[in-house]
Protein backbone atom coordinates (compact mmCIF):
# COMPACT_ATOMS: atom_id res chain seq x y z
CA UNK A 1 49.81 -20.94 -11.94
CA UNK A 2 46.29 -21.06 -10.56
CA UNK A 3 44.79 -17.68 -9.75
CA UNK A 4 41.60 -17.25 -7.70
CA UNK A 5 39.50 -14.10 -8.06
CA UNK A 6 37.22 -12.78 -5.32
CA UNK A 7 34.54 -10.13 -4.95
CA UNK A 8 34.39 -7.36 -7.51
CA UNK A 9 37.51 -8.71 -9.22
CA UNK A 10 35.69 -11.97 -10.03
CA UNK A 11 32.92 -9.86 -11.56
CA UNK A 12 35.43 -7.89 -13.67
CA UNK A 13 37.24 -11.01 -14.91
CA UNK A 14 34.07 -13.05 -15.25
CA UNK A 15 35.87 -15.92 -13.53
CA UNK A 16 36.29 -17.36 -10.05
CA UNK A 17 39.67 -18.80 -11.03
CA UNK A 18 41.91 -19.49 -13.98
CA UNK A 19 45.15 -21.20 -14.85
CA UNK A 20 47.73 -18.87 -16.42
CA UNK A 21 51.25 -19.32 -17.72
CA UNK A 22 53.77 -16.52 -17.29
CA UNK A 23 57.35 -16.32 -18.54
CA UNK A 24 58.46 -15.28 -15.05
CA UNK A 25 56.37 -16.30 -12.06
CA UNK A 26 56.83 -13.00 -10.22
CA UNK A 27 54.44 -10.45 -8.73
CA UNK A 28 55.57 -7.99 -11.42
CA UNK A 29 54.71 -10.43 -14.23
CA UNK A 30 51.37 -11.26 -12.60
CA UNK A 31 50.37 -7.60 -12.24
CA UNK A 32 51.44 -6.94 -15.86
CA UNK A 33 49.21 -9.83 -16.97
CA UNK A 34 46.25 -8.53 -14.96
CA UNK A 35 46.76 -5.03 -16.37
CA UNK A 36 46.98 -6.16 -20.00
CA UNK A 37 44.21 -8.76 -19.80
CA UNK A 38 41.66 -7.14 -17.48
CA UNK A 39 42.84 -3.51 -17.18
CA UNK A 40 43.34 -4.02 -13.43
CA UNK A 41 45.77 -1.62 -11.79
CA UNK A 42 47.79 -2.56 -8.72
CA UNK A 43 45.89 0.29 -7.03
CA UNK A 44 42.62 -1.60 -7.65
CA UNK A 45 43.59 -4.96 -6.16
CA UNK A 46 45.20 -6.83 -3.32
CA UNK A 47 47.33 -9.88 -4.02
CA UNK A 48 47.49 -12.69 -1.48
CA UNK A 49 49.94 -15.56 -1.69
CA UNK A 50 49.26 -18.47 0.63
CA UNK A 51 46.71 -16.39 2.58
CA UNK A 52 49.11 -13.50 3.15
CA UNK A 53 48.61 -10.13 1.44
CA UNK A 54 51.78 -9.01 -0.34
CA UNK A 55 52.84 -5.71 -1.84
CA UNK A 56 52.92 -5.46 -5.62
CA UNK A 57 56.41 -3.98 -5.34
CA UNK A 58 57.82 -7.02 -3.51
CA UNK A 59 60.29 -9.19 -5.38
CA UNK A 60 58.58 -12.54 -4.84
CA UNK A 61 58.92 -15.65 -6.95
CA UNK A 62 55.59 -17.49 -7.14
CA UNK A 63 55.77 -21.28 -7.28
CA UNK A 64 53.24 -23.66 -8.80
CA UNK A 65 52.29 -24.83 -5.29
CA UNK A 66 51.47 -21.31 -4.06
CA UNK A 67 47.85 -20.30 -3.65
CA UNK A 68 47.40 -16.93 -5.37
CA UNK A 69 44.29 -14.82 -4.78
CA UNK A 70 43.34 -11.48 -6.29
CA UNK A 71 41.07 -9.50 -3.99
CA UNK A 72 39.06 -6.30 -4.16
CA UNK A 73 40.15 -3.46 -1.90
CA UNK A 74 38.79 -3.91 1.60
CA UNK A 75 36.04 -1.59 2.78
CA UNK A 76 36.03 -0.24 6.29
CA UNK A 77 32.96 -0.18 8.44
């Protein structure tokens, strides 16, 4: 699955995007990968699938065609 990183998250990962392989293509597996690889907590990120922000607790199966983005928390202003 292709993951795109934006903002502060791209700085933390040192990447704008990467291709990863998970045993299960779920939000839970993705967040576990981000936690173990980059020490990112679900409290520190937003996950968008196909331009729609989703909750980390949602039971969503991610397909290879989905666009997955990891975003920094939004600042108000």
